[in-house]
Amino acid sequence: MHTDESEKEFEVKYEGQVVGRYRLDLVIENKVIVELKAVERMPKIYQEQLISQLKASPYEVGLLVNFGTPKLKYMRFVRSKSP
């Protein structure tokens, strides 16, 4: 059974209160966030956005994929577990 979802939305909570929402490009197997871009240069804000999404979500791994250059580029991020 596939559990891939595009445009998945989830609530961001702080101290039990909803403070915002994130819409993710793609979630694979209910485990991995995949954010897709098509830009010549990857601004750092995209990396920071994915890190924030990981911190606010139940997911531990994120991929930032850029199709906007002649050679596909990607970055993998892992949410560090709290001690």
Protein backbone atom coordinates (compact mmCIF):
# COMPACT_ATOMS: atom_id res chain seq x y z
CA MET A 1 0.00 0.00 0.00
CA HIS A 2 1.45 3.36 -1.05
CA THR A 3 1.32 6.16 1.44
CA ASP A 4 2.84 8.86 -0.75
CA GLU A 5 1.04 12.19 -0.53
CA SER A 6 1.52 15.40 -2.46
CA GLU A 7 0.60 18.81 -1.09
CA LYS A 8 0.27 17.32 2.41
CA GLU A 9 -0.72 19.91 4.98
CA PHE A 10 -0.18 19.71 8.72
CA GLU A 11 -0.72 21.99 11.68
CA VAL A 12 2.15 23.52 13.61
CA LYS A 13 1.47 23.55 17.34
CA TYR A 14 3.16 25.32 20.22
CA GLU A 15 2.19 24.45 23.77
CA GLY A 16 -0.90 22.67 22.47
CA GLN A 17 -2.12 25.62 20.37
CA VAL A 18 -2.18 25.71 16.56
CA VAL A 19 0.14 28.53 15.49
CA GLY A 20 0.38 27.84 11.76
CA ARG A 21 0.32 25.35 8.91
CA TYR A 22 2.86 23.88 6.52
CA ARG A 23 2.09 22.50 3.09
CA LEU A 24 4.69 19.95 1.99
CA ASP A 25 5.39 19.20 -1.67
CA LEU A 26 5.55 15.46 -1.13
CA VAL A 27 5.71 12.95 1.73
CA ILE A 28 7.03 9.46 0.93
CA GLU A 29 5.91 6.41 2.94
CA ASN A 30 4.78 8.75 5.73
CA LYS A 31 8.48 9.17 6.62
CA VAL A 32 10.32 11.51 4.24
CA ILE A 33 9.56 15.11 3.28
CA VAL A 34 10.52 15.90 -0.31
CA GLU A 35 10.64 19.57 -1.29
CA LEU A 36 10.96 20.19 -5.03
CA LYS A 37 12.54 23.29 -6.57
CA ALA A 38 13.49 24.42 -10.08
CA VAL A 39 15.94 27.29 -9.60
CA GLU A 40 19.40 28.13 -10.96
CA ARG A 41 20.79 28.83 -7.49
CA MET A 42 19.50 27.34 -4.27
CA PRO A 43 19.00 30.14 -1.72
CA LYS A 44 19.72 29.20 1.88
CA ILE A 45 16.12 30.05 2.79
CA TYR A 46 14.98 26.79 1.14
CA GLN A 47 17.30 24.80 3.42
CA GLU A 48 16.08 26.70 6.46
CA GLN A 49 12.47 26.12 5.43
CA LEU A 50 12.98 22.36 5.21
CA ILE A 51 14.78 22.28 8.57
CA SER A 52 11.85 24.17 10.13
CA GLN A 53 9.39 21.73 8.57
CA LEU A 54 11.30 18.80 10.01
CA LYS A 55 11.35 20.36 13.48
CA ALA A 56 7.61 21.05 13.39
CA SER A 57 6.58 17.70 11.90
CA PRO A 58 6.73 14.06 12.95
CA TYR A 59 9.10 13.31 10.04
CA GLU A 60 12.82 12.78 10.59
CA VAL A 61 14.25 12.95 7.05
CA GLY A 62 13.90 15.61 4.38
CA LEU A 63 15.16 15.88 0.82
CA LEU A 64 15.55 19.19 -0.97
CA VAL A 65 15.66 18.47 -4.71
CA ASN A 66 16.53 21.05 -7.38
CA PHE A 67 15.69 20.38 -11.04
CA GLY A 68 16.70 23.87 -12.20
CA THR A 69 20.34 23.11 -13.05
CA PRO A 70 21.79 20.97 -15.85
CA LYS A 71 22.64 18.28 -13.27
CA LEU A 72 20.08 17.32 -10.63
CA LYS A 73 21.12 18.52 -7.17
CA TYR A 74 19.77 17.42 -3.83
CA MET A 75 20.44 17.78 -0.13
CA ARG A 76 19.43 15.40 2.64
CA PHE A 77 18.52 16.64 6.10
CA VAL A 78 17.93 14.59 9.24
CA ARG A 79 16.12 15.95 12.27
CA SER A 80 18.28 15.40 15.32
CA LYS A 81 16.55 13.54 18.11
CA SER A 82 16.15 15.25 21.45
CA PRO A 83 18.18 13.70 24.30
